PDB file of N, CA and C in Angstrom:
ATOM      1  N   MET A   1      -7.495   6.368  -3.815  1.00  0.00           N
ATOM      2  CA  MET A   1      -7.299   5.703  -5.063  1.00  0.00           C
ATOM      3  C   MET A   1      -7.724   6.554  -6.264  1.00  0.00           C
ATOM      4  N   PRO A   2      -8.621   7.504  -6.073  1.00  0.00           N
ATOM      5  CA  PRO A   2      -8.920   8.371  -7.220  1.00  0.00           C
ATOM      6  C   PRO A   2      -7.691   9.113  -7.733  1.00  0.00           C
ATOM      7  N   VAL A   3      -6.763   9.441  -6.834  1.00  0.00           N
ATOM      8  CA  VAL A   3      -5.545  10.138  -7.266  1.00  0.00           C
ATOM      9  C   VAL A   3      -4.727   9.215  -8.176  1.00  0.00           C
ATOM     10  N   CYS A   4      -4.636   7.941  -7.833  1.00  0.00           N
ATOM     11  CA  CYS A   4      -3.906   6.990  -8.677  1.00  0.00           C
ATOM     12  C   CYS A   4      -4.609   6.810 -10.016  1.00  0.00           C
ATOM     13  N   LEU A   5      -5.932   6.763  -9.996  1.00  0.00           N
ATOM     14  CA  LEU A   5      -6.687   6.610 -11.234  1.00  0.00           C
ATOM     15  C   LEU A   5      -6.430   7.788 -12.174  1.00  0.00           C
ATOM     16  N   ILE A   6      -6.481   8.987 -11.633  1.00  0.00           N
ATOM     17  CA  ILE A   6      -6.239  10.182 -12.438  1.00  0.00           C
ATOM     18  C   ILE A   6      -4.782  10.240 -12.891  1.00  0.00           C
ATOM     19  N   GLY A   7      -3.862   9.906 -11.993  1.00  0.00           N
ATOM     20  CA  GLY A   7      -2.445   9.884 -12.364  1.00  0.00           C
ATOM     21  C   GLY A   7      -2.159   8.873 -13.468  1.00  0.00           C
ATOM     22  N   GLY A   8      -2.773   7.705 -13.381  1.00  0.00           N
ATOM     23  CA  GLY A   8      -2.595   6.699 -14.427  1.00  0.00           C
ATOM     24  C   GLY A   8      -3.165   7.154 -15.757  1.00  0.00           C
ATOM     25  N   PHE A   9      -4.249   7.918 -15.703  1.00  0.00           N
ATOM     26  CA  PHE A   9      -4.864   8.403 -16.939  1.00  0.00           C
ATOM     27  C   PHE A   9      -3.995   9.444 -17.629  1.00  0.00           C
ATOM     28  N   PHE A  10      -3.453  10.380 -16.859  1.00  0.00           N
ATOM     29  CA  PHE A  10      -2.741  11.504 -17.465  1.00  0.00           C
ATOM     30  C   PHE A  10      -1.232  11.305 -17.620  1.00  0.00           C
ATOM     31  N   PHE A  11      -0.601  10.532 -16.749  1.00  0.00           N
ATOM     32  CA  PHE A  11       0.855  10.534 -16.714  1.00  0.00           C
ATOM     33  C   PHE A  11       1.546   9.233 -17.096  1.00  0.00           C
ATOM     34  N   SER A  12       0.827   8.137 -17.222  1.00  0.00           N
ATOM     35  CA  SER A  12       1.507   6.864 -17.479  1.00  0.00           C
ATOM     36  C   SER A  12       1.650   6.603 -18.973  1.00  0.00           C
ATOM     37  N   LYS A  13       2.774   6.010 -19.315  1.00  0.00           N
ATOM     38  CA  LYS A  13       3.073   5.715 -20.713  1.00  0.00           C
ATOM     39  C   LYS A  13       2.690   4.279 -21.087  1.00  0.00           C
ATOM     40  N   SER A  14       2.840   3.353 -20.132  1.00  0.00           N
ATOM     41  CA  SER A  14       2.518   1.946 -20.403  1.00  0.00           C
ATOM     42  C   SER A  14       1.814   1.361 -19.186  1.00  0.00           C
ATOM     43  N   GLY A  15       1.218   0.206 -19.383  1.00  0.00           N
ATOM     44  CA  GLY A  15       0.531  -0.456 -18.288  1.00  0.00           C
ATOM     45  C   GLY A  15       1.477  -0.871 -17.177  1.00  0.00           C
ATOM     46  N   LYS A  16       2.637  -1.376 -17.565  1.00  0.00           N
ATOM     47  CA  LYS A  16       3.622  -1.813 -16.574  1.00  0.00           C
ATOM     48  C   LYS A  16       4.098  -0.634 -15.728  1.00  0.00           C
ATOM     49  N   GLN A  17       4.404   0.460 -16.379  1.00  0.00           N
ATOM     50  CA  GLN A  17       4.858   1.647 -15.665  1.00  0.00           C
ATOM     51  C   GLN A  17       3.743   2.203 -14.794  1.00  0.00           C
ATOM     52  N   ALA A  18       2.515   2.135 -15.254  1.00  0.00           N
ATOM     53  CA  ALA A  18       1.379   2.629 -14.474  1.00  0.00           C
ATOM     54  C   ALA A  18       1.207   1.806 -13.203  1.00  0.00           C
ATOM     55  N   PHE A  19       1.235   0.484 -13.334  1.00  0.00           N
ATOM     56  CA  PHE A  19       1.047  -0.369 -12.164  1.00  0.00           C
ATOM     57  C   PHE A  19       2.140  -0.132 -11.131  1.00  0.00           C
ATOM     58  N   TRP A  20       3.387  -0.148 -11.567  1.00  0.00           N
ATOM     59  CA  TRP A  20       4.488  -0.038 -10.600  1.00  0.00           C
ATOM     60  C   TRP A  20       4.576   1.348  -9.977  1.00  0.00           C
ATOM     61  N   SER A  21       4.211   2.383 -10.690  1.00  0.00           N
ATOM     62  CA  SER A  21       4.226   3.710 -10.076  1.00  0.00           C
ATOM     63  C   SER A  21       3.115   3.832  -9.044  1.00  0.00           C
ATOM     64  N   GLY A  22       1.942   3.302  -9.337  1.00  0.00           N
ATOM     65  CA  GLY A  22       0.855   3.319  -8.359  1.00  0.00           C
ATOM     66  C   GLY A  22       1.164   2.449  -7.158  1.00  0.00           C
ATOM     67  N   PHE A  23       1.721   1.260  -7.404  1.00  0.00           N
ATOM     68  CA  PHE A  23       2.069   0.348  -6.316  1.00  0.00           C
ATOM     69  C   PHE A  23       3.100   0.973  -5.387  1.00  0.00           C
ATOM     70  N   SER A  24       4.173   1.481  -5.963  1.00  0.00           N
ATOM     71  CA  SER A  24       5.261   2.008  -5.130  1.00  0.00           C
ATOM     72  C   SER A  24       4.834   3.254  -4.354  1.00  0.00           C
ATOM     73  N   SER A  25       4.034   4.113  -4.964  1.00  0.00           N
ATOM     74  CA  SER A  25       3.635   5.333  -4.260  1.00  0.00           C
ATOM     75  C   SER A  25       2.724   5.018  -3.081  1.00  0.00           C
ATOM     76  N   ILE A  26       1.745   4.157  -3.255  1.00  0.00           N
ATOM     77  CA  ILE A  26       0.840   3.828  -2.156  1.00  0.00           C
ATOM     78  C   ILE A  26       1.543   2.955  -1.122  1.00  0.00           C
ATOM     79  N   PHE A  27       2.420   2.064  -1.551  1.00  0.00           N
ATOM     80  CA  PHE A  27       3.193   1.233  -0.619  1.00  0.00           C
ATOM     81  C   PHE A  27       3.995   2.120   0.323  1.00  0.00           C
ATOM     82  N   MET A  28       4.728   3.078  -0.249  1.00  0.00           N
ATOM     83  CA  MET A  28       5.529   3.978   0.592  1.00  0.00           C
ATOM     84  C   MET A  28       4.648   4.840   1.494  1.00  0.00           C
ATOM     85  N   LEU A  29       3.520   5.300   0.973  1.00  0.00           N
ATOM     86  CA  LEU A  29       2.607   6.107   1.770  1.00  0.00           C
ATOM     87  C   LEU A  29       2.096   5.321   2.977  1.00  0.00           C
ATOM     88  N   TRP A  30       1.719   4.065   2.779  1.00  0.00           N
ATOM     89  CA  TRP A  30       1.222   3.234   3.877  1.00  0.00           C
ATOM     90  C   TRP A  30       2.324   2.937   4.889  1.00  0.00           C
ATOM     91  N   VAL A  31       3.523   2.650   4.414  1.00  0.00           N
ATOM     92  CA  VAL A  31       4.623   2.372   5.343  1.00  0.00           C
ATOM     93  C   VAL A  31       4.886   3.588   6.223  1.00  0.00           C
ATOM     94  N   ILE A  32       4.948   4.753   5.627  1.00  0.00           N
ATOM     95  CA  ILE A  32       5.209   5.973   6.395  1.00  0.00           C
ATOM     96  C   ILE A  32       4.075   6.242   7.385  1.00  0.00           C
ATOM     97  N   LYS A  33       2.835   6.114   6.930  1.00  0.00           N
ATOM     98  CA  LYS A  33       1.690   6.373   7.808  1.00  0.00           C
ATOM     99  C   LYS A  33       1.642   5.372   8.955  1.00  0.00           C
ATOM    100  N   MET A  34       1.865   4.102   8.671  1.00  0.00           N
ATOM    101  CA  MET A  34       1.807   3.089   9.717  1.00  0.00           C
ATOM    102  C   MET A  34       2.955   3.256  10.723  1.00  0.00           C
ATOM    103  N   LEU A  35       4.124   3.640  10.242  1.00  0.00           N
ATOM    104  CA  LEU A  35       5.240   3.863  11.159  1.00  0.00           C
ATOM    105  C   LEU A  35       5.003   5.080  12.051  1.00  0.00           C
ATOM    106  N   THR A  36       4.428   6.138  11.490  1.00  0.00           N
ATOM    107  CA  THR A  36       4.165   7.316  12.315  1.00  0.00           C
ATOM    108  C   THR A  36       3.107   7.048  13.384  1.00  0.00           C
ATOM    109  N   LEU A  37       2.226   6.096  13.128  1.00  0.00           N
ATOM    110  CA  LEU A  37       1.229   5.737  14.135  1.00  0.00           C
ATOM    111  C   LEU A  37       1.759   4.710  15.135  1.00  0.00           C
ATOM    112  N   SER A  38       2.666   3.831  14.701  1.00  0.00           N
ATOM    113  CA  SER A  38       3.092   2.713  15.530  1.00  0.00           C
ATOM    114  C   SER A  38       4.342   3.008  16.365  1.00  0.00           C
ATOM    115  N   LEU A  39       5.225   3.826  15.879  1.00  0.00           N
ATOM    116  CA  LEU A  39       6.463   4.104  16.617  1.00  0.00           C
ATOM    117  C   LEU A  39       6.239   4.809  17.960  1.00  0.00           C
ATOM    118  N   PRO A  40       5.364   5.804  18.049  1.00  0.00           N
ATOM    119  CA  PRO A  40       5.212   6.484  19.340  1.00  0.00           C
ATOM    120  C   PRO A  40       4.727   5.578  20.482  1.00  0.00           C
ATOM    121  N   ASN A  41       3.938   4.546  20.164  1.00  0.00           N
ATOM    122  CA  ASN A  41       3.454   3.675  21.232  1.00  0.00           C
ATOM    123  C   ASN A  41       4.230   2.358  21.304  1.00  0.00           C
ATOM    124  N   GLU A  42       5.423   2.345  20.724  1.00  0.00           N
ATOM    125  CA  GLU A  42       6.325   1.188  20.761  1.00  0.00           C
ATOM    126  C   GLU A  42       5.661  -0.081  20.221  1.00  0.00           C
ATOM    127  N   HIS A  43       4.835   0.056  19.211  1.00  0.00           N
ATOM    128  CA  HIS A  43       4.204  -1.047  18.478  1.00  0.00           C
ATOM    129  C   HIS A  43       3.288  -1.893  19.362  1.00  0.00           C
ATOM    130  N   LEU A  44       2.781  -1.329  20.422  1.00  0.00           N
ATOM    131  CA  LEU A  44       1.932  -2.067  21.354  1.00  0.00           C
ATOM    132  C   LEU A  44       0.663  -2.572  20.672  1.00  0.00           C
ATOM    133  N   LEU A  45      -0.060  -1.693  19.987  1.00  0.00           N
ATOM    134  CA  LEU A  45      -1.303  -2.089  19.335  1.00  0.00           C
ATOM    135  C   LEU A  45      -1.041  -3.075  18.203  1.00  0.00           C
ATOM    136  N   ALA A  46       0.001  -2.848  17.425  1.00  0.00           N
ATOM    137  CA  ALA A  46       0.305  -3.747  16.310  1.00  0.00           C
ATOM    138  C   ALA A  46       0.634  -5.158  16.799  1.00  0.00           C
ATOM    139  N   ASN A  47       1.359  -5.260  17.889  1.00  0.00           N
ATOM    140  CA  ASN A  47       1.668  -6.580  18.428  1.00  0.00           C
ATOM    141  C   ASN A  47       0.420  -7.267  18.974  1.00  0.00           C
ATOM    142  N   ARG A  48      -0.506  -6.509  19.543  1.00  0.00           N
ATOM    143  CA  ARG A  48      -1.758  -7.101  20.011  1.00  0.00           C
ATOM    144  C   ARG A  48      -2.635  -7.553  18.849  1.00  0.00           C
ATOM    145  N   ILE A  49      -2.628  -6.796  17.776  1.00  0.00           N
ATOM    146  CA  ILE A  49      -3.368  -7.223  16.586  1.00  0.00           C
ATOM    147  C   ILE A  49      -2.755  -8.503  16.032  1.00  0.00           C
ATOM    148  N   GLY A  50      -1.435  -8.621  16.096  1.00  0.00           N
ATOM    149  CA  GLY A  50      -0.773  -9.858  15.699  1.00  0.00           C
ATOM    150  C   GLY A  50      -1.243 -11.046  16.519  1.00  0.00           C
ATOM    151  N   GLN A  51      -1.513 -10.832  17.797  1.00  0.00           N
ATOM    152  CA  GLN A  51      -2.050 -11.904  18.633  1.00  0.00           C
ATOM    153  C   GLN A  51      -3.460 -12.287  18.203  1.00  0.00           C
ATOM    154  N   VAL A  52      -4.256 -11.307  17.791  1.00  0.00           N
ATOM    155  CA  VAL A  52      -5.607 -11.597  17.310  1.00  0.00           C
ATOM    156  C   VAL A  52      -5.543 -12.471  16.058  1.00  0.00           C
ATOM    157  N   PHE A  53      -4.575 -12.209  15.181  1.00  0.00           N
ATOM    158  CA  PHE A  53      -4.412 -13.003  13.964  1.00  0.00           C
ATOM    159  C   PHE A  53      -3.622 -14.291  14.201  1.00  0.00           C
ATOM    160  N   MET A  54      -3.371 -14.583  15.472  1.00  0.00           N
ATOM    161  CA  MET A  54      -2.675 -15.806  15.883  1.00  0.00           C
ATOM    162  C   MET A  54      -1.292 -15.949  15.251  1.00  0.00           C
ATOM    163  N   LEU A  55      -0.584 -14.836  15.153  1.00  0.00           N
ATOM    164  CA  LEU A  55       0.802 -14.882  14.714  1.00  0.00           C
ATOM    165  C   LEU A  55       1.647 -15.433  15.856  1.00  0.00           C
ATOM    166  N   PRO A  56       2.822 -15.976  15.567  1.00  0.00           N
ATOM    167  CA  PRO A  56       3.660 -16.507  16.649  1.00  0.00           C
ATOM    168  C   PRO A  56       3.960 -15.437  17.696  1.00  0.00           C
ATOM    169  N   GLU A  57       4.077 -15.846  18.932  1.00  0.00           N
ATOM    170  CA  GLU A  57       4.342 -14.920  20.037  1.00  0.00           C
ATOM    171  C   GLU A  57       5.700 -14.250  19.824  1.00  0.00           C
ATOM    172  N   SER A  58       5.675 -12.951  19.547  1.00  0.00           N
ATOM    173  CA  SER A  58       6.899 -12.216  19.254  1.00  0.00           C
ATOM    174  C   SER A  58       6.629 -10.726  19.425  1.00  0.00           C
ATOM    175  N   ASN A  59       7.691  -9.982  19.619  1.00  0.00           N
ATOM    176  CA  ASN A  59       7.568  -8.522  19.659  1.00  0.00           C
ATOM    177  C   ASN A  59       7.773  -7.911  18.283  1.00  0.00           C
ATOM    178  N   ASN A  60       7.917  -8.733  17.255  1.00  0.00           N
ATOM    179  CA  ASN A  60       8.147  -8.242  15.901  1.00  0.00           C
ATOM    180  C   ASN A  60       6.955  -8.473  14.987  1.00  0.00           C
ATOM    181  N   ASN A  61       5.789  -8.740  15.551  1.00  0.00           N
ATOM    182  CA  ASN A  61       4.599  -8.934  14.721  1.00  0.00           C
ATOM    183  C   ASN A  61       4.225  -7.658  13.977  1.00  0.00           C
ATOM    184  N   TRP A  62       4.630  -6.525  14.484  1.00  0.00           N
ATOM    185  CA  TRP A  62       4.301  -5.260  13.830  1.00  0.00           C
ATOM    186  C   TRP A  62       4.926  -5.179  12.442  1.00  0.00           C
ATOM    187  N   ILE A  63       6.068  -5.829  12.244  1.00  0.00           N
ATOM    188  CA  ILE A  63       6.713  -5.811  10.922  1.00  0.00           C
ATOM    189  C   ILE A  63       5.858  -6.565   9.914  1.00  0.00           C
ATOM    190  N   ILE A  64       5.344  -7.709  10.317  1.00  0.00           N
ATOM    191  CA  ILE A  64       4.496  -8.514   9.432  1.00  0.00           C
ATOM    192  C   ILE A  64       3.233  -7.732   9.080  1.00  0.00           C
ATOM    193  N   LEU A  65       2.618  -7.118  10.071  1.00  0.00           N
ATOM    194  CA  LEU A  65       1.409  -6.343   9.822  1.00  0.00           C
ATOM    195  C   LEU A  65       1.689  -5.117   8.953  1.00  0.00           C
ATOM    196  N   LEU A  66       2.818  -4.473   9.169  1.00  0.00           N
ATOM    197  CA  LEU A  66       3.188  -3.325   8.357  1.00  0.00           C
ATOM    198  C   LEU A  66       3.353  -3.725   6.893  1.00  0.00           C
ATOM    199  N   LEU A  67       4.076  -4.807   6.646  1.00  0.00           N
ATOM    200  CA  LEU A  67       4.284  -5.248   5.268  1.00  0.00           C
ATOM    201  C   LEU A  67       2.995  -5.738   4.622  1.00  0.00           C
ATOM    202  N   ALA A  68       2.180  -6.470   5.378  1.00  0.00           N
ATOM    203  CA  ALA A  68       0.916  -6.962   4.815  1.00  0.00           C
ATOM    204  C   ALA A  68      -0.001  -5.803   4.435  1.00  0.00           C
ATOM    205  N   GLY A  69      -0.131  -4.832   5.315  1.00  0.00           N
ATOM    206  CA  GLY A  69      -0.971  -3.671   5.012  1.00  0.00           C
ATOM    207  C   GLY A  69      -0.445  -2.850   3.850  1.00  0.00           C
ATOM    208  N   ALA A  70       0.870  -2.677   3.801  1.00  0.00           N
ATOM    209  CA  ALA A  70       1.471  -1.888   2.727  1.00  0.00           C
ATOM    210  C   ALA A  70       1.347  -2.597   1.377  1.00  0.00           C
ATOM    211  N   VAL A  71       1.495  -3.914   1.365  1.00  0.00           N
ATOM    212  CA  VAL A  71       1.365  -4.662   0.100  1.00  0.00           C
ATOM    213  C   VAL A  71      -0.081  -4.612  -0.398  1.00  0.00           C
ATOM    214  N   ILE A  72      -1.042  -4.778   0.508  1.00  0.00           N
ATOM    215  CA  ILE A  72      -2.445  -4.701   0.088  1.00  0.00           C
ATOM    216  C   ILE A  72      -2.766  -3.310  -0.456  1.00  0.00           C
ATOM    217  N   GLY A  73      -2.329  -2.276   0.240  1.00  0.00           N
ATOM    218  CA  GLY A  73      -2.533  -0.916  -0.247  1.00  0.00           C
ATOM    219  C   GLY A  73      -1.834  -0.672  -1.574  1.00  0.00           C
ATOM    220  N   GLY A  74      -0.608  -1.209  -1.715  1.00  0.00           N
ATOM    221  CA  GLY A  74       0.130  -1.066  -2.963  1.00  0.00           C
ATOM    222  C   GLY A  74      -0.569  -1.737  -4.130  1.00  0.00           C
ATOM    223  N   LEU A  75      -1.127  -2.912  -3.896  1.00  0.00           N
ATOM    224  CA  LEU A  75      -1.854  -3.605  -4.966  1.00  0.00           C
ATOM    225  C   LEU A  75      -3.076  -2.805  -5.404  1.00  0.00           C
ATOM    226  N   VAL A  76      -3.794  -2.259  -4.453  1.00  0.00           N
ATOM    227  CA  VAL A  76      -4.972  -1.445  -4.794  1.00  0.00           C
ATOM    228  C   VAL A  76      -4.542  -0.202  -5.573  1.00  0.00           C
ATOM    229  N   GLY A  77      -3.477   0.450  -5.125  1.00  0.00           N
ATOM    230  CA  GLY A  77      -2.982   1.628  -5.840  1.00  0.00           C
ATOM    231  C   GLY A  77      -2.477   1.300  -7.231  1.00  0.00           C
ATOM    232  N   GLY A  78      -1.763   0.178  -7.360  1.00  0.00           N
ATOM    233  CA  GLY A  78      -1.259  -0.231  -8.666  1.00  0.00           C
ATOM    234  C   GLY A  78      -2.375  -0.568  -9.634  1.00  0.00           C
ATOM    235  N   LEU A  79      -3.379  -1.285  -9.156  1.00  0.00           N
ATOM    236  CA  LEU A  79      -4.500  -1.635 -10.027  1.00  0.00           C
ATOM    237  C   LEU A  79      -5.331  -0.413 -10.383  1.00  0.00           C
ATOM    238  N   SER A  80      -5.440   0.538  -9.469  1.00  0.00           N
ATOM    239  CA  SER A  80      -6.154   1.770  -9.761  1.00  0.00           C
ATOM    240  C   SER A  80      -5.438   2.584 -10.836  1.00  0.00           C
ATOM    241  N   CYS A  81      -4.132   2.669 -10.722  1.00  0.00           N
ATOM    242  CA  CYS A  81      -3.348   3.396 -11.718  1.00  0.00           C
ATOM    243  C   CYS A  81      -3.406   2.687 -13.078  1.00  0.00           C
ATOM    244  N   LEU A  82      -3.374   1.367 -13.051  1.00  0.00           N
ATOM    245  CA  LEU A  82      -3.487   0.583 -14.286  1.00  0.00           C
ATOM    246  C   LEU A  82      -4.853   0.787 -14.935  1.00  0.00           C
ATOM    247  N   THR A  83      -5.888   0.902 -14.131  1.00  0.00           N
ATOM    248  CA  THR A  83      -7.227   1.177 -14.652  1.00  0.00           C
ATOM    249  C   THR A  83      -7.270   2.540 -15.333  1.00  0.00           C
ATOM    250  N   GLY A  84      -6.651   3.531 -14.715  1.00  0.00           N
ATOM    251  CA  GLY A  84      -6.582   4.851 -15.338  1.00  0.00           C
ATOM    252  C   GLY A  84      -5.845   4.823 -16.660  1.00  0.00           C
ATOM    253  N   ASN A  85      -4.782   4.024 -16.721  1.00  0.00           N
ATOM    254  CA  ASN A  85      -4.045   3.868 -17.972  1.00  0.00           C
ATOM    255  C   ASN A  85      -4.908   3.193 -19.027  1.00  0.00           C
ATOM    256  N   SER A  86      -5.720   2.234 -18.628  1.00  0.00           N
ATOM    257  CA  SER A  86      -6.611   1.553 -19.575  1.00  0.00           C
ATOM    258  C   SER A  86      -7.671   2.492 -20.111  1.00  0.00           C
ATOM    259  N   PHE A  87      -8.184   3.394 -19.283  1.00  0.00           N
ATOM    260  CA  PHE A  87      -9.139   4.385 -19.749  1.00  0.00           C
ATOM    261  C   PHE A  87      -8.512   5.312 -20.787  1.00  0.00           C
ATOM    262  N   GLN A  88      -7.231   5.608 -20.612  1.00  0.00           N
ATOM    263  CA  GLN A  88      -6.531   6.482 -21.548  1.00  0.00           C
ATOM    264  C   GLN A  88      -6.465   5.841 -22.929  1.00  0.00           C
ATOM    265  N   LYS A  89      -6.240   4.548 -22.957  1.00  0.00           N
ATOM    266  CA  LYS A  89      -6.088   3.858 -24.233  1.00  0.00           C
ATOM    267  C   LYS A  89      -7.413   3.694 -24.960  1.00  0.00           C
ATOM    268  N   THR A  90      -8.542   3.762 -24.252  1.00  0.00           N
ATOM    269  CA  THR A  90      -9.841   3.574 -24.908  1.00  0.00           C
ATOM    270  C   THR A  90     -10.435   4.869 -25.450  1.00  0.00           C
ATOM    271  N   LYS A  91      -9.856   6.019 -25.079  1.00  0.00           N
ATOM    272  CA  LYS A  91     -10.465   7.275 -25.563  1.00  0.00           C
ATOM    273  C   LYS A  91     -10.102   7.587 -26.982  1.00  0.00           C
TER     274      LYS A  91
END
């Protein structure tokens, strides 16, 4: 998140643009990272984690977990970038 904070400080023009650039970059990063970890083992661990969270019995629980993790990461990245943009406006 420090990278998003610094990026928001130096490169963002508005708060809206800062949030969405931070959100989209971290969202995509998490999706790619989670897919590279989950695809080789055929989503075995992700589906078991879905059982721990009491998701309906399915072989597609990994999709729900992937989206939930990516959205949470995206929100943190977006808010971090927005914070950097706010620091820029106060200097």
